[in-house]
């Protein structure tokens, strides 16, 4: 839907929202919307777990050693 100047910016009333939902085709309705929303709120409310300070498990082949050449090739010809 494209916004035009004649469209209201006011939020829908409960009745208008329900009428909009009732007009949706069945394949566009989410019967578990409230549960999905509640789960998203719970997830967002949890403190962020920082990965800083954690070293990766070395058994996966990762090492934190950086390798590089002490000599850089001059490419500024």
C-alpha atoms as a PDB file:
ATOM      1  CA  UNK A   1       0.000   0.000   0.000  1.00  0.00           C
ATOM      2  CA  UNK A   2       1.352   3.374  -0.914  1.00  0.00           C
ATOM      3  CA  UNK A   3       0.993   6.344   1.401  1.00  0.00           C
ATOM      4  CA  UNK A   4      -0.831   9.302  -0.051  1.00  0.00           C
ATOM      5  CA  UNK A   5      -1.708  12.650   1.445  1.00  0.00           C
ATOM      6  CA  UNK A   6      -5.334  11.609   1.902  1.00  0.00           C
ATOM      7  CA  UNK A   7      -4.423   8.709   4.169  1.00  0.00           C
ATOM      8  CA  UNK A   8      -4.595   9.292   7.910  1.00  0.00           C
ATOM      9  CA  UNK A   9      -1.459   9.009  10.012  1.00  0.00           C
ATOM     10  CA  UNK A  10      -3.507   8.230  13.114  1.00  0.00           C
ATOM     11  CA  UNK A  11      -3.238   4.688  14.468  1.00  0.00           C
ATOM     12  CA  UNK A  12      -6.100   2.351  13.734  1.00  0.00           C
ATOM     13  CA  UNK A  13      -8.767   1.843  16.343  1.00  0.00           C
ATOM     14  CA  UNK A  14      -9.263  -1.691  17.636  1.00  0.00           C
ATOM     15  CA  UNK A  15     -12.327  -2.029  15.408  1.00  0.00           C
ATOM     16  CA  UNK A  16     -10.448  -0.799  12.308  1.00  0.00           C
ATOM     17  CA  UNK A  17      -7.530  -3.123  13.045  1.00  0.00           C
ATOM     18  CA  UNK A  18      -9.846  -6.106  13.461  1.00  0.00           C
ATOM     19  CA  UNK A  19     -11.663  -5.242  10.213  1.00  0.00           C
ATOM     20  CA  UNK A  20      -8.296  -5.109   8.417  1.00  0.00           C
ATOM     21  CA  UNK A  21      -7.297  -8.495   9.837  1.00  0.00           C
ATOM     22  CA  UNK A  22     -10.671 -10.009   8.928  1.00  0.00           C
ATOM     23  CA  UNK A  23     -10.176  -8.939   5.286  1.00  0.00           C
ATOM     24  CA  UNK A  24      -6.769 -10.627   5.004  1.00  0.00           C
ATOM     25  CA  UNK A  25      -6.577 -13.866   3.037  1.00  0.00           C
ATOM     26  CA  UNK A  26      -6.068 -16.930   5.241  1.00  0.00           C
ATOM     27  CA  UNK A  27      -2.516 -17.460   3.948  1.00  0.00           C
ATOM     28  CA  UNK A  28      -1.549 -14.023   5.286  1.00  0.00           C
ATOM     29  CA  UNK A  29      -2.986 -14.459   8.761  1.00  0.00           C
ATOM     30  CA  UNK A  30      -0.713 -15.505  11.619  1.00  0.00           C
ATOM     31  CA  UNK A  31      -2.746 -17.434  14.140  1.00  0.00           C
ATOM     32  CA  UNK A  32       0.220 -17.464  16.563  1.00  0.00           C
ATOM     33  CA  UNK A  33       0.935 -13.732  16.348  1.00  0.00           C
ATOM     34  CA  UNK A  34       0.437 -13.066  20.053  1.00  0.00           C
ATOM     35  CA  UNK A  35       2.724 -15.941  21.043  1.00  0.00           C
ATOM     36  CA  UNK A  36       5.365 -14.846  18.505  1.00  0.00           C
ATOM     37  CA  UNK A  37       5.151 -11.279  19.785  1.00  0.00           C
ATOM     38  CA  UNK A  38       5.437 -12.374  23.433  1.00  0.00           C
ATOM     39  CA  UNK A  39       8.504 -14.495  22.614  1.00  0.00           C
ATOM     40  CA  UNK A  40      10.123 -11.564  20.790  1.00  0.00           C
ATOM     41  CA  UNK A  41       9.509  -9.303  23.803  1.00  0.00           C
ATOM     42  CA  UNK A  42      11.058 -11.875  26.176  1.00  0.00           C
ATOM     43  CA  UNK A  43      14.080 -12.263  23.905  1.00  0.00           C
ATOM     44  CA  UNK A  44      14.548  -8.502  23.581  1.00  0.00           C
ATOM     45  CA  UNK A  45      14.258  -8.031  27.344  1.00  0.00           C
ATOM     46  CA  UNK A  46      17.145 -10.388  28.090  1.00  0.00           C
ATOM     47  CA  UNK A  47      20.552  -8.794  28.630  1.00  0.00           C
ATOM     48  CA  UNK A  48      22.868  -9.055  25.659  1.00  0.00           C
ATOM     49  CA  UNK A  49      25.469 -11.751  26.089  1.00  0.00           C
ATOM     50  CA  UNK A  50      28.842 -10.372  25.096  1.00  0.00           C
ATOM     51  CA  UNK A  51      31.345 -12.568  23.332  1.00  0.00           C
ATOM     52  CA  UNK A  52      34.206 -10.371  24.483  1.00  0.00           C
ATOM     53  CA  UNK A  53      36.666 -12.104  26.716  1.00  0.00           C
ATOM     54  CA  UNK A  54      35.705 -15.523  25.452  1.00  0.00           C
ATOM     55  CA  UNK A  55      38.284 -17.369  23.429  1.00  0.00           C
ATOM     56  CA  UNK A  56      37.052 -19.763  20.776  1.00  0.00           C
ATOM     57  CA  UNK A  57      37.491 -23.447  21.433  1.00  0.00           C
ATOM     58  CA  UNK A  58      40.838 -24.448  19.906  1.00  0.00           C
ATOM     59  CA  UNK A  59      39.428 -27.846  18.986  1.00  0.00           C
ATOM     60  CA  UNK A  60      37.661 -26.259  15.993  1.00  0.00           C
ATOM     61  CA  UNK A  61      41.020 -25.472  14.362  1.00  0.00           C
ATOM     62  CA  UNK A  62      40.955 -21.777  15.233  1.00  0.00           C
ATOM     63  CA  UNK A  63      43.995 -20.111  16.725  1.00  0.00           C
ATOM     64  CA  UNK A  64      44.253 -16.503  17.749  1.00  0.00           C
ATOM     65  CA  UNK A  65      47.779 -16.204  16.323  1.00  0.00           C
ATOM     66  CA  UNK A  66      48.042 -13.770  13.443  1.00  0.00           C
ATOM     67  CA  UNK A  67      50.581 -14.450  10.761  1.00  0.00           C
ATOM     68  CA  UNK A  68      51.899 -11.839   8.391  1.00  0.00           C
ATOM     69  CA  UNK A  69      55.000 -11.001   6.461  1.00  0.00           C
ATOM     70  CA  UNK A  70      57.453  -8.447   7.837  1.00  0.00           C
ATOM     71  CA  UNK A  71      58.161  -7.366   4.275  1.00  0.00           C
ATOM     72  CA  UNK A  72      55.479  -5.633   2.263  1.00  0.00           C
ATOM     73  CA  UNK A  73      55.665  -5.536  -1.486  1.00  0.00           C
ATOM     74  CA  UNK A  74      55.759  -2.010  -2.932  1.00  0.00           C
ATOM     75  CA  UNK A  75      52.799  -1.720  -5.281  1.00  0.00           C
ATOM     76  CA  UNK A  76      52.960   2.074  -5.774  1.00  0.00           C
ATOM     77  CA  UNK A  77      54.566   2.017  -9.231  1.00  0.00           C
END
